[in-house]
Amino acid sequence: MNSEKQENRLKEIIQILQAEHSDNRQYEAKAAAKGFSETAVKTISAFANTPGGGTLVFGVDENQNFTVVGVYDSKQCQQTLAAYAKNEFSSRITFKSELIMHENGSVILADVLESDKSLKPVKVGKTGKAYIRMYDSDFELSSLEEQIFISNRGIARFDEDIVPESSVMDLNQELCKSYIAERKNFSTVLNEMTDDEVLLRSGVISGTGEVTVAGILTLGIYPQQFFPNYSIQASVKKSSVVSDDVRATNVRVFDGPIPVILEDVTKWVLDNSNELTKDISGGMVAKVKEYPPVSTRELIANALIHRDLNPLSMTQNISLTIEDKGLVISNPGGLYGISLSELGNTASVARNARLAEICQFVSTKGEANIIEKLGSGIPKIYAECKKYGFALPKFFDGGIYFTAILQNPTMTKGNVGYVNKANNTDIVLAALFDAPLSRIEIANKTGLTLSQVRYSLGKLIEQNEVRLLGKRGDRGNKYIRLRDE
C-alpha cells in the first residue's frame, strides 16, 4: 500500500511534466508497458554523469500527456534495473527505487544518483559511449568531453599554471599599475614590497619570471596570443533575423584581457537590447533595458572567471547569444564545489581561485572592479530582477558546461511584468519558473520574508496561477506554477 508521501511525489512529478509538456532535466518518463525500455541505459548514464542525478519514471507515457499506463511487470522491471546498474556500465550505478500502485497500473520511480567525479564519465558497457543530460534529452559525449571529465577528477589549479615563453613584457602596464596600487592599498604587507614582488607574491608571475595563466588572462596585453579561444563569441539569433540562409546576425568575437572583454561585451548586449518602461516601487516609472546592466555584467563576469581553464577545455570559447527567449551565456565547466540549488544561497567556491582573487583588484575602464567578492554576483542579479519585476535567471549545470539564461521580459508570459507593489506576486511567480518550491525555498531565493511569500502565494492561488502540491497544512509542501496552455 502506498504511503501518502509516495502518492504526493508521483502526483507532483506528473504535474511538472504535464505543465512543461516534456521530459526535463530531472525527470524522464518511460512507458514500459510492454517491456523494459532499452533507451533507459542512455538516460542512466546521463543522470550518473550530470550534477544532481535524475529520476526515471517507469509506467508513465509521454505520448499520452504523461498518463499512468503501468509497467509490464513491476518485479521484473526492478530486477532488470538492478542488473543493469550492477553490470551494464563502466562503474556500478547507485540508485534508489520505489514501487507505487496506481489505479492504472504500477509505477516505478528510480532515482539515479550522481556518480563520484573519480568515476566519471560513466559509460554504457556494450557501446563504450557516455552521455550527459541537457534539458530534456541525453547527449553523447565526444572523446574530448570524456577527456575533460577524466582530467577534472583532481583539484582545479589550472589558473596557477605557467604560460610558457611569457614574461612581464606581455602584461599591460596600465592594468598592472592599477592592480598593484589596489593590492598595496588593501594590504600592509604588500605595501612594503616592490611592484615586481607584489606581482610575484600575488600569483601574477612565477619565480622564473614567466606569467601565470591567471595573470595573463586578467592583466595581459593580448591573452589570445597564448590562448586563442579565451574569448566570447556573441551573436543575435532572434526568430526575426534567422532564416534558411541566415543563422545569426551581428556576430562578434570579443578578445583582450578580462576587464576589456567584460566592458565590451556588456556594452554590446545593452546596445542590442530594447528599452522598456517599467513601474517600480513608490509609483515611479523607469526606463530600463530588457537585459538590465547589473545582471548582464554579473553573468558575463561569472562566465569569464569560472570557466574551466583545463587545457582541454581551452579549445572552446564562451558563447553568448541574444535569442527570443533571452540572453543565453554558456561557458566550459560546470559548477565547482556547490550544487545548483545552493547557487546564490551559500558561499561560492571558485574553480579558479587565483584568477578570482586577482579579479577582485582589477577594474574596467569604467573604474568598477570585475568582482567585489565571491558569491556576491547572483544576489545582485536577483535584487535587480526584483526591482524591475523581471523573471529570475535560469541556470543549467551540465558538469562540463554551465548555462545562464537571463529571460526576455517581453517573451516570458505569466512570470514577469509590472511589479505588484502590494504583494510581490511577480517575484514569487518568477521564482517558481523552473521547479516547485516550498515557502522557505521561495523566501531564500527571492529575499522576501515568509509573510510576504505566504501572502503572495495566496493571491496567486486565487488567480489560478499557482497550485499547492499535496494537502494544505502539510509541512514542507511545495507550490507549482501553472503554465499558460
Protein backbone atom coordinates (compact mmCIF):
# COMPACT_ATOMS: atom_id res chain seq x y z
CA MET A 1 0.00 0.00 0.00
CA ASN A 2 1.30 3.41 -0.96
CA SER A 3 2.18 5.99 1.61
CA GLU A 4 0.72 9.47 1.28
CA LYS A 5 4.24 10.77 0.64
CA GLN A 6 4.68 8.42 -2.33
CA GLU A 7 1.34 9.37 -3.85
CA ASN A 8 2.09 13.06 -3.48
CA ARG A 9 5.51 12.66 -5.08
CA LEU A 10 4.13 10.83 -8.12
CA LYS A 11 1.37 13.41 -8.48
CA GLU A 12 3.89 16.23 -8.26
CA ILE A 13 6.18 14.70 -10.91
CA ILE A 14 3.30 14.14 -13.33
CA GLN A 15 2.06 17.70 -12.79
CA ILE A 16 5.53 19.07 -13.55
CA LEU A 17 5.88 17.02 -16.76
CA GLN A 18 2.36 17.86 -17.92
CA ALA A 19 2.92 21.54 -17.23
CA GLU A 20 6.12 21.50 -19.30
CA HIS A 21 4.67 19.17 -21.98
CA SER A 22 8.01 17.38 -21.99
CA ASP A 23 10.56 15.41 -20.02
CA ASN A 24 13.00 17.74 -18.36
CA ARG A 25 16.45 17.92 -16.87
CA GLN A 26 15.41 16.00 -13.73
CA TYR A 27 12.70 13.57 -14.88
CA GLU A 28 12.49 11.10 -17.77
CA ALA A 29 9.25 9.18 -18.33
CA LYS A 30 9.39 5.65 -19.80
CA ALA A 31 6.08 3.98 -20.67
CA ALA A 32 7.49 0.44 -20.17
CA ALA A 33 4.02 -1.05 -20.69
CA LYS A 34 5.32 -3.78 -23.00
CA GLY A 35 8.81 -4.31 -21.62
CA PHE A 36 11.91 -2.66 -20.21
CA SER A 37 12.91 0.39 -22.27
CA GLU A 38 16.33 -0.17 -23.85
CA THR A 39 16.83 3.60 -24.15
CA ALA A 40 16.88 3.74 -20.35
CA VAL A 41 20.58 2.81 -20.35
CA LYS A 42 21.47 6.10 -22.07
CA THR A 43 19.43 8.03 -19.55
CA ILE A 44 21.01 6.18 -16.61
CA SER A 45 24.47 7.07 -17.93
CA ALA A 46 23.39 10.69 -18.46
CA PHE A 47 21.93 11.05 -14.96
CA ALA A 48 25.02 9.45 -13.39
CA ASN A 49 27.28 11.94 -15.20
CA THR A 50 25.13 15.03 -14.58
CA PRO A 51 25.21 17.05 -11.35
CA GLY A 52 22.33 16.07 -9.08
CA GLY A 53 21.46 12.89 -10.97
CA GLY A 54 17.84 12.37 -12.03
CA THR A 55 14.75 10.21 -11.86
CA LEU A 56 13.42 7.63 -14.31
CA VAL A 57 9.63 7.30 -14.16
CA PHE A 58 8.64 3.84 -15.43
CA GLY A 59 4.95 3.36 -16.21
CA VAL A 60 4.12 6.89 -17.38
CA ASP A 61 3.63 7.57 -21.10
CA GLU A 62 4.83 10.89 -22.53
CA ASN A 63 2.81 10.30 -25.72
CA GLN A 64 -0.39 10.23 -23.67
CA ASN A 65 0.26 13.52 -21.87
CA PHE A 66 2.19 11.72 -19.15
CA THR A 67 -0.66 9.44 -18.18
CA VAL A 68 -0.01 6.45 -15.94
CA VAL A 69 -0.12 3.31 -18.10
CA GLY A 70 1.63 0.91 -15.72
CA VAL A 71 4.81 -1.13 -16.21
CA TYR A 72 4.77 -4.55 -17.86
CA ASP A 73 5.84 -6.35 -14.66
CA SER A 74 6.86 -4.33 -11.62
CA LYS A 75 9.07 -7.00 -10.06
CA GLN A 76 10.85 -7.87 -13.29
CA CYS A 77 11.31 -4.20 -14.13
CA GLN A 78 13.04 -3.55 -10.80
CA GLN A 79 15.18 -6.67 -11.17
CA THR A 80 16.26 -5.64 -14.66
CA LEU A 81 17.05 -2.16 -13.44
CA ALA A 82 19.20 -3.57 -10.62
CA ALA A 83 21.02 -5.91 -13.00
CA TYR A 84 21.72 -3.09 -15.44
CA ALA A 85 23.01 -0.82 -12.67
CA LYS A 86 25.39 -3.53 -11.48
CA ASN A 87 26.65 -4.96 -14.76
CA GLU A 88 25.96 -2.73 -17.76
CA PHE A 89 28.13 0.33 -17.04
CA SER A 90 31.80 1.17 -16.63
CA SER A 91 31.19 1.63 -12.90
CA ARG A 92 28.37 0.49 -10.69
CA ILE A 93 25.35 2.78 -10.66
CA THR A 94 23.85 3.80 -7.34
CA PHE A 95 20.09 4.18 -7.39
CA LYS A 96 17.03 4.05 -5.19
CA SER A 97 13.69 2.80 -6.45
CA GLU A 98 10.18 2.75 -5.10
CA LEU A 99 7.06 0.99 -6.34
CA ILE A 100 3.85 3.00 -6.40
CA MET A 101 0.50 1.37 -7.04
CA HIS A 102 -1.85 3.44 -9.17
CA GLU A 103 -5.36 2.72 -10.39
CA ASN A 104 -3.98 2.50 -13.95
CA GLY A 105 -1.08 0.23 -13.03
CA SER A 106 2.26 0.12 -11.24
CA VAL A 107 4.75 2.98 -11.43
CA ILE A 108 8.43 2.69 -10.52
CA LEU A 109 10.43 5.77 -9.59
CA ALA A 110 14.15 5.13 -9.97
CA ASP A 111 16.35 7.88 -8.53
CA VAL A 112 19.75 7.61 -10.22
CA LEU A 113 22.39 9.26 -8.05
CA GLU A 114 25.21 11.30 -9.49
CA SER A 115 28.41 9.27 -9.60
CA ASP A 116 31.56 10.41 -7.84
CA LYS A 117 33.76 12.53 -10.09
CA SER A 118 36.51 9.93 -9.77
CA LEU A 119 34.26 7.52 -11.71
CA LYS A 120 33.09 9.89 -14.43
CA PRO A 121 32.36 9.61 -17.22
CA VAL A 122 30.11 6.62 -16.64
CA LYS A 123 29.89 4.69 -19.91
CA VAL A 124 27.41 2.15 -21.25
CA GLY A 125 29.32 -1.12 -21.21
CA LYS A 126 28.13 -2.57 -24.52
CA THR A 127 28.80 0.52 -26.62
CA GLY A 128 31.53 2.28 -24.65
CA LYS A 129 29.57 5.52 -25.00
CA ALA A 130 28.88 8.03 -22.24
CA TYR A 131 26.03 10.54 -22.04
CA ILE A 132 25.18 13.82 -20.36
CA ARG A 133 21.73 15.24 -19.57
CA MET A 134 20.88 18.51 -21.30
CA TYR A 135 17.42 19.98 -20.82
CA ASP A 136 15.11 17.06 -21.76
CA SER A 137 17.48 14.79 -23.68
CA ASP A 138 20.54 12.56 -23.34
CA PHE A 139 23.53 13.66 -25.43
CA GLU A 140 26.51 11.50 -26.26
CA LEU A 141 29.83 12.83 -25.01
CA SER A 142 32.55 13.47 -27.54
CA SER A 143 36.00 11.97 -26.92
CA LEU A 144 37.24 15.44 -25.94
CA GLU A 145 34.42 15.83 -23.40
CA GLU A 146 35.26 12.43 -21.94
CA GLN A 147 38.87 13.54 -21.50
CA ILE A 148 37.70 16.72 -19.77
CA PHE A 149 35.74 14.61 -17.28
CA ILE A 150 38.83 12.50 -16.58
CA SER A 151 41.19 15.45 -16.16
CA ASN A 152 38.74 17.18 -13.81
CA ARG A 153 38.88 14.33 -11.28
CA GLY A 154 41.51 16.24 -9.30
CA ILE A 155 41.60 19.71 -7.74
CA ALA A 156 41.37 22.51 -10.30
CA ARG A 157 44.50 24.67 -10.26
CA PHE A 158 44.96 25.31 -13.94
CA ASP A 159 44.90 29.08 -13.35
CA GLU A 160 48.21 28.79 -11.47
CA ASP A 161 49.99 27.10 -14.39
CA ILE A 162 52.86 28.95 -16.02
CA VAL A 163 52.41 30.29 -19.56
CA PRO A 164 55.49 29.11 -21.49
CA GLU A 165 57.64 31.78 -23.18
CA SER A 166 55.79 34.62 -21.45
CA SER A 167 57.26 37.47 -19.39
CA VAL A 168 56.26 40.73 -17.73
CA MET A 169 56.63 42.28 -21.18
CA ASP A 170 53.35 40.54 -22.07
CA LEU A 171 51.48 42.40 -19.31
CA ASN A 172 49.50 45.61 -19.85
CA GLN A 173 51.44 48.21 -17.87
CA GLU A 174 48.40 50.41 -17.22
CA LEU A 175 46.39 47.49 -15.83
CA CYS A 176 49.36 46.32 -13.76
CA LYS A 177 49.91 49.77 -12.30
CA SER A 178 46.29 49.99 -11.19
CA TYR A 179 46.33 46.42 -9.87
CA ILE A 180 49.49 46.88 -7.84
CA ALA A 181 48.15 50.11 -6.31
CA GLU A 182 44.92 48.31 -5.28
CA ARG A 183 46.81 45.36 -3.77
CA LYS A 184 49.06 47.66 -1.76
CA ASN A 185 46.11 49.74 -0.63
CA PHE A 186 44.42 46.70 0.91
CA SER A 187 47.48 45.01 2.41
CA THR A 188 50.04 46.49 4.78
CA VAL A 189 52.34 43.56 3.98
CA LEU A 190 52.22 44.04 0.20
CA ASN A 191 52.50 47.79 0.65
CA GLU A 192 56.08 47.30 1.87
CA MET A 193 57.09 45.36 -1.26
CA THR A 194 58.37 46.44 -4.66
CA ASP A 195 55.98 46.30 -7.61
CA ASP A 196 57.64 43.20 -9.05
CA GLU A 197 57.41 41.49 -5.68
CA VAL A 198 53.68 42.25 -5.48
CA LEU A 199 53.18 40.59 -8.87
CA LEU A 200 55.16 37.56 -7.69
CA ARG A 201 53.54 37.18 -4.26
CA SER A 202 50.01 37.62 -5.60
CA GLY A 203 50.43 34.96 -8.27
CA VAL A 204 50.61 37.10 -11.40
CA ILE A 205 54.14 35.99 -12.28
CA SER A 206 56.19 32.94 -11.27
CA GLY A 207 59.58 32.72 -9.61
CA THR A 208 61.16 32.19 -13.02
CA GLY A 209 59.63 35.41 -14.35
CA GLU A 210 57.02 33.79 -16.54
CA VAL A 211 53.38 34.88 -16.25
CA THR A 212 50.72 32.59 -14.80
CA VAL A 213 47.51 31.74 -16.63
CA ALA A 214 45.55 33.88 -14.16
CA GLY A 215 47.98 36.77 -14.65
CA ILE A 216 47.90 36.72 -18.44
CA LEU A 217 44.10 36.47 -18.64
CA THR A 218 43.48 39.41 -16.33
CA LEU A 219 46.44 41.71 -16.97
CA GLY A 220 47.84 40.56 -20.32
CA ILE A 221 48.28 42.83 -23.31
CA TYR A 222 46.65 40.22 -25.55
CA PRO A 223 45.96 36.88 -23.83
CA GLN A 224 44.72 35.36 -27.09
CA GLN A 225 48.35 35.25 -28.23
CA PHE A 226 48.65 32.28 -25.87
CA PHE A 227 45.00 31.19 -25.58
CA PRO A 228 43.21 31.91 -28.88
CA ASN A 229 39.86 30.63 -27.61
CA TYR A 230 39.74 32.58 -24.38
CA SER A 231 37.15 34.90 -25.87
CA ILE A 232 33.42 35.40 -26.07
CA GLN A 233 31.63 34.67 -29.32
CA ALA A 234 28.44 36.72 -29.43
CA SER A 235 25.55 36.86 -31.88
CA VAL A 236 21.88 37.69 -32.24
CA LYS A 237 19.69 34.66 -33.03
CA LYS A 238 16.15 36.01 -32.81
CA SER A 239 13.45 34.44 -34.98
CA SER A 240 13.04 37.78 -36.75
CA VAL A 241 16.58 37.53 -38.17
CA VAL A 242 17.13 33.76 -38.51
CA SER A 243 16.27 32.06 -41.82
CA ASP A 244 17.46 29.23 -44.05
CA ASP A 245 20.26 31.48 -45.28
CA VAL A 246 20.98 33.44 -42.09
CA ARG A 247 21.86 31.61 -38.87
CA ALA A 248 22.69 34.72 -36.85
CA THR A 249 23.37 38.43 -37.16
CA ASN A 250 25.76 40.90 -35.56
CA VAL A 251 28.28 38.13 -34.94
CA ARG A 252 31.25 39.30 -32.88
CA VAL A 253 34.25 37.76 -31.18
CA PHE A 254 35.43 39.73 -28.16
CA ASP A 255 39.05 39.39 -27.10
CA GLY A 256 41.65 41.07 -24.90
CA PRO A 257 42.15 40.75 -21.13
CA ILE A 258 39.16 40.05 -18.87
CA PRO A 259 38.41 43.69 -17.92
CA VAL A 260 38.30 44.70 -21.59
CA ILE A 261 36.12 41.75 -22.63
CA LEU A 262 33.75 42.35 -19.73
CA GLU A 263 33.22 46.01 -20.59
CA ASP A 264 32.98 45.50 -24.36
CA VAL A 265 30.52 42.59 -24.17
CA THR A 266 28.30 44.31 -21.60
CA LYS A 267 28.08 47.36 -23.87
CA TRP A 268 27.33 45.15 -26.89
CA VAL A 269 24.44 43.43 -25.09
CA LEU A 270 22.96 46.75 -23.96
CA ASP A 271 23.32 48.18 -27.47
CA ASN A 272 21.37 45.19 -28.78
CA SER A 273 18.66 45.40 -26.10
CA ASN A 274 15.33 47.16 -26.38
CA GLU A 275 14.37 49.80 -23.84
CA LEU A 276 11.30 49.16 -21.68
CA THR A 277 9.23 51.43 -19.47
CA LYS A 278 8.60 49.79 -16.12
CA ASP A 279 6.71 50.64 -12.94
CA ILE A 280 8.93 50.46 -9.89
CA SER A 281 8.38 50.98 -6.17
CA GLY A 282 6.83 54.21 -4.95
CA GLY A 283 4.73 54.62 -8.10
CA MET A 284 7.78 55.70 -10.09
CA VAL A 285 8.30 54.88 -13.77
CA ALA A 286 11.76 53.95 -15.02
CA LYS A 287 13.28 53.20 -18.41
CA VAL A 288 15.34 50.01 -18.36
CA LYS A 289 16.93 47.72 -20.90
CA GLU A 290 15.29 44.31 -21.37
CA TYR A 291 18.62 42.92 -20.16
CA PRO A 292 19.47 45.31 -17.31
CA PRO A 293 23.13 46.32 -16.89
CA VAL A 294 23.94 44.87 -13.46
CA SER A 295 22.51 41.43 -14.25
CA THR A 296 24.12 41.39 -17.69
CA ARG A 297 27.53 42.37 -16.34
CA GLU A 298 27.45 39.88 -13.46
CA LEU A 299 26.54 36.92 -15.68
CA ILE A 300 29.29 37.79 -18.16
CA ALA A 301 31.83 38.20 -15.33
CA ASN A 302 30.81 34.82 -13.88
CA ALA A 303 31.40 33.12 -17.23
CA LEU A 304 34.83 34.74 -17.62
CA ILE A 305 36.00 33.94 -14.09
CA HIS A 306 34.50 30.49 -13.52
CA ARG A 307 35.02 28.92 -16.95
CA ASP A 308 37.11 25.76 -16.99
CA LEU A 309 40.80 26.53 -17.63
CA ASN A 310 41.68 22.89 -18.20
CA PRO A 311 43.90 22.89 -21.32
CA LEU A 312 41.40 20.55 -22.99
CA SER A 313 38.54 22.99 -22.34
CA MET A 314 40.58 25.92 -23.58
CA THR A 315 39.81 24.81 -27.13
CA GLN A 316 36.29 26.17 -26.53
CA ASN A 317 35.22 29.77 -26.12
CA ILE A 318 32.33 31.25 -24.18
CA SER A 319 29.12 31.54 -26.17
CA LEU A 320 26.70 34.45 -25.75
CA THR A 321 23.54 34.74 -27.83
CA ILE A 322 20.55 37.05 -27.75
CA GLU A 323 17.58 34.83 -28.57
CA ASP A 324 13.81 35.19 -28.42
CA LYS A 325 13.76 33.56 -25.00
CA GLY A 326 16.52 35.73 -23.59
CA LEU A 327 20.22 36.32 -23.15
CA VAL A 328 21.96 32.90 -23.16
CA ILE A 329 25.52 32.58 -21.85
CA SER A 330 27.30 29.20 -21.88
CA ASN A 331 30.83 28.53 -20.67
CA PRO A 332 33.02 25.43 -20.46
CA GLY A 333 32.97 23.90 -16.97
CA GLY A 334 30.06 23.25 -14.63
CA LEU A 335 29.56 24.50 -11.09
CA TYR A 336 32.50 23.86 -8.80
CA GLY A 337 32.15 23.00 -5.13
CA ILE A 338 28.43 23.82 -4.85
CA SER A 339 25.20 22.46 -6.30
CA LEU A 340 22.68 24.26 -8.45
CA SER A 341 20.24 24.53 -5.54
CA GLU A 342 22.93 26.26 -3.46
CA LEU A 343 23.74 28.83 -6.15
CA GLY A 344 23.09 32.29 -4.75
CA ASN A 345 22.16 30.90 -1.34
CA THR A 346 25.56 29.93 0.01
CA ALA A 347 29.19 30.96 -0.14
CA SER A 348 30.67 30.50 -3.59
CA VAL A 349 33.63 28.22 -4.27
CA ALA A 350 35.96 29.41 -7.01
CA ARG A 351 37.02 26.90 -9.62
CA ASN A 352 39.85 29.32 -10.46
CA ALA A 353 40.76 30.63 -7.01
CA ARG A 354 43.85 32.59 -8.09
CA LEU A 355 42.04 34.16 -11.04
CA ALA A 356 39.09 35.17 -8.85
CA GLU A 357 41.40 36.69 -6.26
CA ILE A 358 43.24 38.79 -8.82
CA CYS A 359 39.96 39.95 -10.38
CA GLN A 360 38.88 41.46 -7.06
CA PHE A 361 41.65 44.04 -7.51
CA VAL A 362 41.31 44.68 -11.26
CA SER A 363 38.99 47.36 -12.62
CA THR A 364 37.47 48.04 -16.03
CA LYS A 365 37.82 51.41 -17.73
CA GLY A 366 34.57 52.29 -16.04
CA GLU A 367 36.50 52.01 -12.76
CA ALA A 368 34.35 49.16 -11.43
CA ASN A 369 36.07 46.08 -10.02
CA ILE A 370 35.43 42.94 -12.03
CA ILE A 371 34.07 41.28 -8.88
CA GLU A 372 33.63 42.61 -5.37
CA LYS A 373 33.77 39.30 -3.56
CA LEU A 374 32.95 35.69 -4.28
CA GLY A 375 29.26 34.89 -4.18
CA SER A 376 28.05 38.49 -4.49
CA GLY A 377 27.01 38.31 -8.14
CA ILE A 378 23.86 36.15 -8.00
CA PRO A 379 22.24 38.14 -5.14
CA LYS A 380 22.87 41.33 -7.15
CA ILE A 381 21.09 39.80 -10.14
CA TYR A 382 18.13 38.68 -8.02
CA ALA A 383 17.87 42.16 -6.48
CA GLU A 384 17.83 43.88 -9.88
CA CYS A 385 15.28 41.45 -11.31
CA LYS A 386 13.11 42.02 -8.24
CA LYS A 387 13.39 45.80 -8.61
CA TYR A 388 12.02 45.76 -12.16
CA GLY A 389 9.70 42.77 -11.86
CA PHE A 390 11.74 40.66 -14.26
CA ALA A 391 11.88 36.88 -14.17
CA LEU A 392 14.80 35.43 -12.25
CA PRO A 393 17.52 33.92 -14.45
CA LYS A 394 17.52 30.20 -15.26
CA PHE A 395 20.65 28.13 -14.67
CA PHE A 396 21.68 24.74 -16.10
CA ASP A 397 24.67 22.77 -14.80
CA GLY A 398 25.85 20.05 -17.15
CA GLY A 399 29.02 19.13 -15.30
CA ILE A 400 31.30 20.13 -18.17
CA TYR A 401 29.32 23.20 -19.16
CA PHE A 402 27.23 25.85 -17.42
CA THR A 403 24.44 27.91 -18.98
CA ALA A 404 22.73 31.01 -17.64
CA ILE A 405 19.62 32.47 -19.28
CA LEU A 406 18.52 36.00 -18.45
CA GLN A 407 14.94 35.76 -19.64
CA ASN A 408 13.45 38.30 -22.02
CA PRO A 409 10.63 40.05 -20.11
CA THR A 410 8.69 40.65 -23.33
CA MET A 411 8.64 36.92 -24.14
CA THR A 412 8.10 35.22 -20.76
CA LYS A 413 4.37 35.24 -20.20
CA GLY A 414 2.93 34.87 -16.75
CA ASN A 415 6.06 35.35 -14.67
CA VAL A 416 7.25 38.88 -15.41
CA GLY A 417 5.73 42.27 -15.95
CA TYR A 418 4.99 45.17 -13.70
CA VAL A 419 5.81 44.64 -10.06
CA ASN A 420 2.73 44.22 -7.90
CA LYS A 421 3.86 46.54 -5.13
CA ALA A 422 1.20 45.24 -2.74
CA ASN A 423 2.13 41.56 -2.66
CA ASN A 424 5.25 40.76 -4.74
CA THR A 425 3.36 38.16 -6.77
CA ASP A 426 5.55 38.67 -9.83
CA ILE A 427 8.68 37.90 -7.83
CA VAL A 428 7.20 34.71 -6.36
CA LEU A 429 5.93 33.64 -9.78
CA ALA A 430 9.40 34.19 -11.25
CA ALA A 431 10.98 32.06 -8.52
CA LEU A 432 8.68 29.17 -9.46
CA PHE A 433 9.61 29.28 -13.14
CA ASP A 434 11.99 26.28 -13.08
CA ALA A 435 10.59 23.96 -10.43
CA PRO A 436 8.16 23.68 -7.50
CA LEU A 437 9.42 25.26 -4.28
CA SER A 438 8.36 25.41 -0.65
CA ARG A 439 7.64 28.72 1.07
CA ILE A 440 11.06 28.65 2.74
CA GLU A 441 12.81 27.92 -0.57
CA ILE A 442 10.97 30.82 -2.23
CA ALA A 443 11.96 33.15 0.59
CA ASN A 444 15.61 32.09 0.33
CA LYS A 445 15.63 32.52 -3.43
CA THR A 446 13.89 35.92 -3.55
CA GLY A 447 14.86 37.63 -0.33
CA LEU A 448 11.21 38.11 0.61
CA THR A 449 10.00 37.40 4.12
CA LEU A 450 7.92 34.31 4.83
CA SER A 451 4.91 36.54 5.46
CA GLN A 452 5.34 38.20 2.06
CA VAL A 453 5.71 34.81 0.38
CA ARG A 454 2.64 33.40 2.15
CA TYR A 455 0.50 36.42 1.20
CA SER A 456 1.66 36.38 -2.45
CA LEU A 457 1.07 32.63 -2.79
CA GLY A 458 -2.48 33.11 -1.53
CA LYS A 459 -3.12 35.73 -4.21
CA LEU A 460 -1.57 33.57 -6.94
CA ILE A 461 -3.68 30.57 -5.93
CA GLU A 462 -6.79 32.76 -6.09
CA GLN A 463 -5.76 33.89 -9.59
CA ASN A 464 -5.23 30.22 -10.62
CA GLU A 465 -1.56 30.89 -11.43
CA VAL A 466 -0.08 28.65 -8.72
CA ARG A 467 -1.21 25.36 -7.25
CA LEU A 468 -0.37 23.75 -3.92
CA LEU A 469 1.11 20.27 -4.24
CA GLY A 470 -0.12 17.90 -1.54
CA LYS A 471 -2.55 18.67 1.25
CA ARG A 472 -2.91 22.06 2.87
CA GLY A 473 -1.16 22.18 6.22
CA ASP A 474 1.45 19.53 5.40
CA ARG A 475 4.92 20.67 6.40
CA GLY A 476 7.29 21.47 3.54
CA ASN A 477 4.59 21.46 0.87
CA LYS A 478 5.67 22.85 -2.46
CA TYR A 479 3.93 25.14 -4.90
CA ILE A 480 3.94 24.77 -8.68
CA ARG A 481 3.47 27.47 -11.28
CA LEU A 482 0.71 26.73 -13.81
CA ARG A 483 1.99 27.34 -17.33
CA ASP A 484 -0.17 29.03 -19.91
CA GLU A 485 -1.60 26.39 -22.21
